[in-house]
Amino acid sequence: MLMERSESQAQPVEERAAERRAISVAGRLTWRDAEGTSRFAIVRTRNVSDTGVLLECRSGNPIPLHRLVTFHIDRSARERAQLPGALQRTGVPAAVYRVGPFQRATGAPDTYALRLLVKPDRRRGLAARTATLERAIRQSSVACALSRPVPVPA
């Protein structure tokens, strides 16, 4: 028996845990290979979120899937407002969870997706909601104070 798909089933569903922002900043990945030798690669971000980063890599050795790495954003770019709080620190632990296709010219993939091994920065959203709520309370308190009759001394 064949079932027809409805229009709502055909549309893709967004399953990301955090919003991705297109931002391009230079950085560096460091990791240890199977022999314990320190390796590094120069990278550039394509997009970032509170939980992950998509990187372009033009140099360095191939990084195996699931390898633990440390991601460093260049110092000059760390203060950018678009970057999540975790990426504004020095040396963010991450795991390679997706490896792009290998390029013939370099013998290495040109893209990697990292899962940041930090708790997402939910304080930024919480602080904004708290400030909005406090502002609304102050405004309603002022409105209530203005609407009350002022007692006249006898």
N, C-alpha and C. Protein backbone atom coordinates (compact mmCIF):
# COMPACT_ATOMS: atom_id res chain seq x y z
N MET A 1 0.84 -1.17 0.00
CA MET A 1 0.00 0.00 0.00
C MET A 1 0.89 1.24 0.00
N LEU A 2 0.68 2.16 -0.92
CA LEU A 2 1.44 3.39 -1.02
C LEU A 2 0.77 4.49 -0.22
N MET A 3 1.57 5.26 0.46
CA MET A 3 1.04 6.39 1.22
C MET A 3 1.49 7.67 0.55
N GLU A 4 0.59 8.61 0.43
CA GLU A 4 0.95 9.90 -0.14
C GLU A 4 1.51 10.80 0.95
N ARG A 5 2.53 11.54 0.58
CA ARG A 5 3.11 12.50 1.53
C ARG A 5 2.35 13.81 1.45
N SER A 6 2.08 14.37 2.58
CA SER A 6 1.44 15.68 2.59
C SER A 6 2.49 16.76 2.37
N GLU A 7 2.05 17.97 2.08
CA GLU A 7 2.97 19.09 1.86
C GLU A 7 3.83 19.36 3.09
N SER A 8 3.26 19.22 4.27
CA SER A 8 4.01 19.52 5.50
C SER A 8 5.12 18.51 5.74
N GLN A 9 4.96 17.27 5.29
CA GLN A 9 5.99 16.27 5.47
C GLN A 9 7.16 16.47 4.52
N ALA A 10 6.93 17.10 3.38
CA ALA A 10 7.97 17.26 2.37
C ALA A 10 8.96 18.36 2.72
N GLN A 11 8.58 19.29 3.58
CA GLN A 11 9.47 20.39 3.92
C GLN A 11 10.50 19.96 4.95
N PRO A 12 11.75 20.40 4.77
CA PRO A 12 12.79 20.01 5.74
C PRO A 12 12.54 20.66 7.10
N VAL A 13 12.94 19.96 8.12
CA VAL A 13 12.77 20.44 9.49
C VAL A 13 14.13 20.85 10.03
N GLU A 14 14.21 22.03 10.62
CA GLU A 14 15.46 22.51 11.21
C GLU A 14 15.69 21.77 12.52
N GLU A 15 16.81 21.05 12.62
CA GLU A 15 17.10 20.26 13.81
C GLU A 15 18.32 20.76 14.57
N ARG A 16 18.85 21.90 14.20
CA ARG A 16 20.05 22.41 14.87
C ARG A 16 19.71 22.84 16.30
N ALA A 17 20.65 22.58 17.20
CA ALA A 17 20.46 22.96 18.59
C ALA A 17 20.69 24.45 18.79
N ALA A 18 21.49 25.06 17.91
CA ALA A 18 21.81 26.48 18.03
C ALA A 18 21.87 27.10 16.65
N GLU A 19 21.51 28.37 16.57
CA GLU A 19 21.51 29.09 15.30
C GLU A 19 22.93 29.26 14.76
N ARG A 20 23.11 29.01 13.48
CA ARG A 20 24.41 29.20 12.83
C ARG A 20 24.48 30.61 12.26
N ARG A 21 25.67 31.22 12.40
CA ARG A 21 25.91 32.55 11.86
C ARG A 21 27.09 32.48 10.89
N ALA A 22 26.90 33.00 9.68
CA ALA A 22 27.99 33.03 8.70
C ALA A 22 29.00 34.08 9.14
N ILE A 23 30.18 33.64 9.47
CA ILE A 23 31.25 34.55 9.89
C ILE A 23 32.57 33.92 9.49
N SER A 24 33.45 34.74 8.96
CA SER A 24 34.74 34.24 8.48
C SER A 24 35.85 34.88 9.29
N VAL A 25 36.50 34.07 10.12
CA VAL A 25 37.66 34.53 10.90
C VAL A 25 38.75 33.47 10.80
N ALA A 26 39.98 33.93 10.89
CA ALA A 26 41.13 33.02 10.81
C ALA A 26 41.35 32.35 12.16
N GLY A 27 41.90 31.15 12.10
CA GLY A 27 42.19 30.42 13.33
C GLY A 27 43.20 29.32 13.09
N ARG A 28 43.36 28.51 14.12
CA ARG A 28 44.35 27.43 14.08
C ARG A 28 43.80 26.24 14.86
N LEU A 29 44.02 25.05 14.32
CA LEU A 29 43.67 23.80 15.02
C LEU A 29 44.96 23.14 15.46
N THR A 30 44.95 22.61 16.67
CA THR A 30 46.09 21.81 17.14
C THR A 30 45.54 20.48 17.63
N TRP A 31 46.33 19.42 17.43
CA TRP A 31 45.96 18.08 17.88
C TRP A 31 47.19 17.21 17.91
N ARG A 32 47.05 16.02 18.44
CA ARG A 32 48.13 15.04 18.45
C ARG A 32 47.72 13.89 17.54
N ASP A 33 48.68 13.45 16.71
CA ASP A 33 48.39 12.33 15.82
C ASP A 33 48.50 11.01 16.58
N ALA A 34 48.37 9.89 15.86
CA ALA A 34 48.39 8.56 16.48
C ALA A 34 49.70 8.26 17.21
N GLU A 35 50.81 8.86 16.77
CA GLU A 35 52.11 8.65 17.42
C GLU A 35 52.35 9.63 18.56
N GLY A 36 51.43 10.56 18.78
CA GLY A 36 51.58 11.54 19.85
C GLY A 36 52.30 12.81 19.44
N THR A 37 52.56 12.97 18.15
CA THR A 37 53.23 14.17 17.65
C THR A 37 52.22 15.31 17.54
N SER A 38 52.60 16.49 18.02
CA SER A 38 51.72 17.66 17.91
C SER A 38 51.63 18.10 16.45
N ARG A 39 50.42 18.37 16.00
CA ARG A 39 50.15 18.84 14.64
C ARG A 39 49.33 20.12 14.71
N PHE A 40 49.37 20.90 13.64
CA PHE A 40 48.52 22.07 13.58
C PHE A 40 48.10 22.33 12.14
N ALA A 41 47.02 23.08 11.98
CA ALA A 41 46.53 23.47 10.66
C ALA A 41 45.99 24.89 10.76
N ILE A 42 46.21 25.67 9.71
CA ILE A 42 45.66 27.01 9.62
C ILE A 42 44.27 26.87 8.99
N VAL A 43 43.27 27.49 9.61
CA VAL A 43 41.88 27.33 9.17
C VAL A 43 41.18 28.69 9.09
N ARG A 44 40.00 28.68 8.48
CA ARG A 44 39.13 29.85 8.44
C ARG A 44 37.71 29.35 8.65
N THR A 45 36.96 30.05 9.50
CA THR A 45 35.58 29.62 9.77
C THR A 45 34.69 29.99 8.59
N ARG A 46 33.70 29.14 8.34
CA ARG A 46 32.64 29.47 7.38
C ARG A 46 31.41 29.93 8.14
N ASN A 47 31.05 29.16 9.17
CA ASN A 47 29.95 29.57 10.03
C ASN A 47 30.18 29.02 11.43
N VAL A 48 29.54 29.65 12.40
CA VAL A 48 29.73 29.28 13.81
C VAL A 48 28.38 29.26 14.52
N SER A 49 28.33 28.51 15.61
CA SER A 49 27.17 28.53 16.51
C SER A 49 27.70 28.34 17.92
N ASP A 50 26.81 28.29 18.89
CA ASP A 50 27.22 28.08 20.27
C ASP A 50 27.78 26.67 20.48
N THR A 51 27.47 25.74 19.58
CA THR A 51 27.87 24.35 19.78
C THR A 51 28.80 23.79 18.71
N GLY A 52 29.01 24.51 17.61
CA GLY A 52 29.84 23.96 16.55
C GLY A 52 30.41 25.01 15.62
N VAL A 53 31.34 24.56 14.76
CA VAL A 53 32.02 25.43 13.80
C VAL A 53 32.24 24.65 12.52
N LEU A 54 32.01 25.28 11.37
CA LEU A 54 32.38 24.71 10.09
C LEU A 54 33.62 25.45 9.61
N LEU A 55 34.68 24.69 9.29
CA LEU A 55 35.98 25.28 8.95
C LEU A 55 36.40 24.93 7.54
N GLU A 56 37.14 25.86 6.92
CA GLU A 56 37.88 25.59 5.69
C GLU A 56 39.33 25.42 6.08
N CYS A 57 39.96 24.39 5.57
CA CYS A 57 41.36 24.11 5.90
C CYS A 57 42.15 24.01 4.61
N ARG A 58 43.15 24.87 4.46
CA ARG A 58 43.95 24.88 3.23
C ARG A 58 45.35 24.31 3.44
N SER A 59 45.70 24.01 4.66
CA SER A 59 47.06 23.50 4.90
C SER A 59 47.03 22.47 6.01
N GLY A 60 48.12 21.77 6.17
CA GLY A 60 48.23 20.82 7.27
C GLY A 60 47.91 19.40 6.85
N ASN A 61 48.09 18.50 7.78
CA ASN A 61 47.82 17.08 7.57
C ASN A 61 46.33 16.81 7.72
N PRO A 62 45.82 15.74 7.10
CA PRO A 62 44.42 15.38 7.29
C PRO A 62 44.14 15.08 8.77
N ILE A 63 42.99 15.49 9.24
CA ILE A 63 42.60 15.25 10.63
C ILE A 63 41.55 14.14 10.62
N PRO A 64 41.77 13.06 11.35
CA PRO A 64 40.81 11.95 11.35
C PRO A 64 39.48 12.34 12.01
N LEU A 65 38.43 11.68 11.56
CA LEU A 65 37.11 11.85 12.16
C LEU A 65 37.17 11.48 13.64
N HIS A 66 36.47 12.22 14.47
CA HIS A 66 36.37 12.03 15.92
C HIS A 66 37.65 12.39 16.68
N ARG A 67 38.63 12.96 16.02
CA ARG A 67 39.88 13.37 16.70
C ARG A 67 39.57 14.55 17.61
N LEU A 68 40.11 14.52 18.81
CA LEU A 68 39.99 15.66 19.73
C LEU A 68 41.02 16.70 19.31
N VAL A 69 40.57 17.94 19.19
CA VAL A 69 41.43 19.04 18.75
C VAL A 69 41.23 20.23 19.68
N THR A 70 42.10 21.21 19.54
CA THR A 70 41.93 22.49 20.23
C THR A 70 41.83 23.55 19.15
N PHE A 71 40.79 24.38 19.22
CA PHE A 71 40.54 25.40 18.22
C PHE A 71 40.88 26.77 18.80
N HIS A 72 41.73 27.50 18.09
CA HIS A 72 42.16 28.83 18.51
C HIS A 72 41.73 29.85 17.46
N ILE A 73 40.93 30.84 17.86
CA ILE A 73 40.61 31.97 16.98
C ILE A 73 41.76 32.96 17.09
N ASP A 74 42.13 33.59 15.97
CA ASP A 74 43.18 34.61 16.02
C ASP A 74 42.81 35.69 17.03
N ARG A 75 43.80 36.14 17.77
CA ARG A 75 43.60 37.11 18.84
C ARG A 75 42.85 38.35 18.36
N SER A 76 43.18 38.84 17.18
CA SER A 76 42.57 40.07 16.67
C SER A 76 41.07 39.91 16.39
N ALA A 77 40.60 38.69 16.22
CA ALA A 77 39.19 38.45 15.88
C ALA A 77 38.35 38.00 17.06
N ARG A 78 38.96 37.73 18.21
CA ARG A 78 38.22 37.16 19.35
C ARG A 78 37.15 38.07 19.92
N GLU A 79 37.30 39.37 19.77
CA GLU A 79 36.37 40.32 20.38
C GLU A 79 35.16 40.62 19.49
N ARG A 80 35.04 39.95 18.35
CA ARG A 80 33.90 40.22 17.46
C ARG A 80 32.61 39.81 18.14
N ALA A 81 31.61 40.68 18.04
CA ALA A 81 30.34 40.46 18.73
C ALA A 81 29.60 39.23 18.19
N GLN A 82 29.81 38.87 16.93
CA GLN A 82 29.09 37.74 16.35
C GLN A 82 29.58 36.39 16.87
N LEU A 83 30.77 36.36 17.44
CA LEU A 83 31.32 35.09 17.92
C LEU A 83 30.64 34.66 19.22
N PRO A 84 30.32 33.38 19.34
CA PRO A 84 29.80 32.88 20.62
C PRO A 84 30.83 33.07 21.73
N GLY A 85 30.39 33.15 22.95
CA GLY A 85 31.28 33.35 24.09
C GLY A 85 32.38 32.31 24.18
N ALA A 86 32.07 31.06 23.85
CA ALA A 86 33.07 29.99 23.94
C ALA A 86 34.25 30.25 23.01
N LEU A 87 34.00 30.83 21.85
CA LEU A 87 35.07 31.06 20.87
C LEU A 87 35.87 32.32 21.17
N GLN A 88 35.45 33.11 22.12
CA GLN A 88 36.20 34.30 22.49
C GLN A 88 37.30 33.97 23.48
N ARG A 89 37.34 32.73 23.93
CA ARG A 89 38.40 32.29 24.84
C ARG A 89 39.57 31.73 24.03
N THR A 90 40.67 31.52 24.71
CA THR A 90 41.85 30.92 24.08
C THR A 90 41.77 29.41 24.18
N GLY A 91 41.92 28.71 23.07
CA GLY A 91 42.00 27.25 23.08
C GLY A 91 40.71 26.56 23.49
N VAL A 92 39.78 26.39 22.55
CA VAL A 92 38.51 25.74 22.83
C VAL A 92 38.61 24.26 22.46
N PRO A 93 38.34 23.34 23.39
CA PRO A 93 38.37 21.91 23.05
C PRO A 93 37.20 21.56 22.13
N ALA A 94 37.46 20.70 21.16
CA ALA A 94 36.43 20.32 20.19
C ALA A 94 36.73 18.92 19.66
N ALA A 95 35.75 18.36 18.97
CA ALA A 95 35.91 17.06 18.32
C ALA A 95 35.52 17.20 16.86
N VAL A 96 36.27 16.56 15.98
CA VAL A 96 35.95 16.57 14.55
C VAL A 96 34.79 15.61 14.35
N TYR A 97 33.63 16.11 13.91
CA TYR A 97 32.50 15.21 13.73
C TYR A 97 32.06 15.09 12.27
N ARG A 98 32.65 15.86 11.38
CA ARG A 98 32.39 15.67 9.96
C ARG A 98 33.63 16.10 9.18
N VAL A 99 34.01 15.30 8.19
CA VAL A 99 35.18 15.58 7.36
C VAL A 99 34.70 15.70 5.92
N GLY A 100 35.08 16.78 5.26
CA GLY A 100 34.70 17.00 3.86
C GLY A 100 35.46 16.09 2.93
N PRO A 101 35.16 16.17 1.63
CA PRO A 101 35.85 15.32 0.65
C PRO A 101 37.33 15.68 0.53
N PHE A 102 38.15 14.70 0.23
CA PHE A 102 39.59 14.92 0.05
C PHE A 102 39.83 15.64 -1.27
N GLN A 103 40.77 16.57 -1.27
CA GLN A 103 41.15 17.31 -2.46
C GLN A 103 42.40 16.68 -3.08
N ARG A 104 42.40 16.52 -4.38
CA ARG A 104 43.57 15.92 -5.05
C ARG A 104 44.82 16.77 -4.87
N ALA A 105 44.66 18.08 -4.94
CA ALA A 105 45.82 18.97 -4.89
C ALA A 105 46.56 18.89 -3.57
N THR A 106 45.82 18.77 -2.47
CA THR A 106 46.46 18.79 -1.15
C THR A 106 46.55 17.41 -0.51
N GLY A 107 45.69 16.49 -0.93
CA GLY A 107 45.65 15.18 -0.30
C GLY A 107 44.95 15.19 1.05
N ALA A 108 44.28 16.29 1.34
CA ALA A 108 43.57 16.43 2.62
C ALA A 108 42.18 17.02 2.36
N PRO A 109 41.25 16.84 3.28
CA PRO A 109 39.94 17.46 3.13
C PRO A 109 40.05 18.99 3.20
N ASP A 110 39.10 19.68 2.56
CA ASP A 110 39.13 21.13 2.65
C ASP A 110 38.14 21.68 3.67
N THR A 111 37.25 20.84 4.21
CA THR A 111 36.33 21.30 5.25
C THR A 111 36.26 20.29 6.39
N TYR A 112 36.06 20.84 7.57
CA TYR A 112 35.86 20.05 8.78
C TYR A 112 34.74 20.70 9.58
N ALA A 113 33.93 19.88 10.22
CA ALA A 113 32.94 20.39 11.15
C ALA A 113 33.36 19.96 12.54
N LEU A 114 33.38 20.92 13.45
CA LEU A 114 33.77 20.65 14.84
C LEU A 114 32.57 20.77 15.75
N ARG A 115 32.51 19.90 16.74
CA ARG A 115 31.55 20.03 17.84
C ARG A 115 32.35 20.59 19.00
N LEU A 116 31.95 21.76 19.49
CA LEU A 116 32.66 22.37 20.62
C LEU A 116 32.34 21.60 21.89
N LEU A 117 33.35 21.30 22.66
CA LEU A 117 33.16 20.53 23.90
C LEU A 117 33.06 21.48 25.08
N VAL A 118 32.08 22.38 24.98
CA VAL A 118 31.80 23.35 26.04
C VAL A 118 30.29 23.43 26.19
N LYS A 119 29.85 23.93 27.32
CA LYS A 119 28.42 24.15 27.50
C LYS A 119 28.03 25.37 26.67
N PRO A 120 26.89 25.31 25.96
CA PRO A 120 26.47 26.47 25.17
C PRO A 120 26.25 27.68 26.06
N ASP A 121 26.56 28.85 25.54
CA ASP A 121 26.42 30.09 26.30
C ASP A 121 24.97 30.55 26.24
N ARG A 122 24.17 30.06 27.16
CA ARG A 122 22.77 30.44 27.21
C ARG A 122 22.56 31.70 28.05
N ARG A 123 23.63 32.13 28.73
CA ARG A 123 23.51 33.32 29.57
C ARG A 123 23.23 34.56 28.73
N ARG A 124 23.77 34.62 27.52
CA ARG A 124 23.58 35.79 26.67
C ARG A 124 22.09 36.01 26.43
N GLY A 125 21.35 34.95 26.06
CA GLY A 125 19.92 35.06 25.84
C GLY A 125 19.17 35.31 27.14
N LEU A 126 19.61 34.68 28.22
CA LEU A 126 18.97 34.87 29.51
C LEU A 126 19.15 36.30 30.00
N ALA A 127 20.33 36.86 29.81
CA ALA A 127 20.59 38.24 30.24
C ALA A 127 19.69 39.22 29.49
N ALA A 128 19.51 38.99 28.20
CA ALA A 128 18.66 39.88 27.40
C ALA A 128 17.21 39.78 27.86
N ARG A 129 16.73 38.55 28.12
CA ARG A 129 15.35 38.39 28.59
C ARG A 129 15.18 39.00 29.97
N THR A 130 16.17 38.84 30.84
CA THR A 130 16.09 39.41 32.19
C THR A 130 16.05 40.93 32.13
N ALA A 131 16.88 41.53 31.28
CA ALA A 131 16.89 42.99 31.15
C ALA A 131 15.55 43.50 30.63
N THR A 132 14.96 42.80 29.67
CA THR A 132 13.66 43.20 29.13
C THR A 132 12.59 43.11 30.21
N LEU A 133 12.62 42.04 30.99
CA LEU A 133 11.65 41.86 32.06
C LEU A 133 11.80 42.93 33.13
N GLU A 134 13.04 43.23 33.52
CA GLU A 134 13.28 44.27 34.53
C GLU A 134 12.79 45.63 34.03
N ARG A 135 13.02 45.92 32.75
CA ARG A 135 12.56 47.19 32.17
C ARG A 135 11.03 47.26 32.21
N ALA A 136 10.36 46.16 31.87
CA ALA A 136 8.90 46.12 31.89
C ALA A 136 8.36 46.31 33.31
N ILE A 137 9.03 45.71 34.29
CA ILE A 137 8.60 45.86 35.69
C ILE A 137 8.75 47.31 36.13
N ARG A 138 9.89 47.93 35.79
CA ARG A 138 10.09 49.34 36.16
C ARG A 138 9.03 50.22 35.54
N GLN A 139 8.74 50.00 34.26
CA GLN A 139 7.74 50.82 33.57
C GLN A 139 6.36 50.62 34.17
N SER A 140 6.01 49.39 34.52
CA SER A 140 4.70 49.15 35.11
C SER A 140 4.62 49.72 36.52
N SER A 141 5.75 49.70 37.25
CA SER A 141 5.77 50.29 38.59
C SER A 141 5.57 51.79 38.51
N VAL A 142 6.21 52.42 37.54
CA VAL A 142 6.04 53.87 37.36
C VAL A 142 4.61 54.17 36.96
N ALA A 143 4.04 53.37 36.06
CA ALA A 143 2.66 53.58 35.63
C ALA A 143 1.71 53.41 36.80
N CYS A 144 1.94 52.41 37.65
CA CYS A 144 1.09 52.19 38.82
C CYS A 144 1.21 53.36 39.79
N ALA A 145 2.42 53.84 40.00
CA ALA A 145 2.64 54.95 40.92
C ALA A 145 1.95 56.21 40.41
N LEU A 146 1.96 56.43 39.11
CA LEU A 146 1.33 57.62 38.54
C LEU A 146 -0.19 57.52 38.57
N SER A 147 -0.73 56.31 38.52
CA SER A 147 -2.19 56.15 38.49
C SER A 147 -2.82 56.20 39.88
N ARG A 148 -2.02 56.06 40.93
CA ARG A 148 -2.57 56.12 42.29
C ARG A 148 -2.82 57.58 42.67
N PRO A 149 -3.90 57.81 43.40
CA PRO A 149 -4.13 59.18 43.88
C PRO A 149 -3.10 59.54 44.95
N VAL A 150 -2.65 60.74 44.90
CA VAL A 150 -1.67 61.21 45.87
C VAL A 150 -2.42 61.67 47.11
N PRO A 151 -2.04 61.11 48.29
CA PRO A 151 -2.75 61.55 49.51
C PRO A 151 -2.41 63.01 49.84
N VAL A 152 -3.44 63.73 50.21
CA VAL A 152 -3.27 65.14 50.57
C VAL A 152 -3.22 65.22 52.09
N PRO A 153 -2.17 65.83 52.64
CA PRO A 153 -2.10 65.92 54.10
C PRO A 153 -3.25 66.77 54.65
N ALA A 154 -3.81 66.37 55.76
CA ALA A 154 -4.95 67.07 56.35
C ALA A 154 -4.53 68.15 57.31
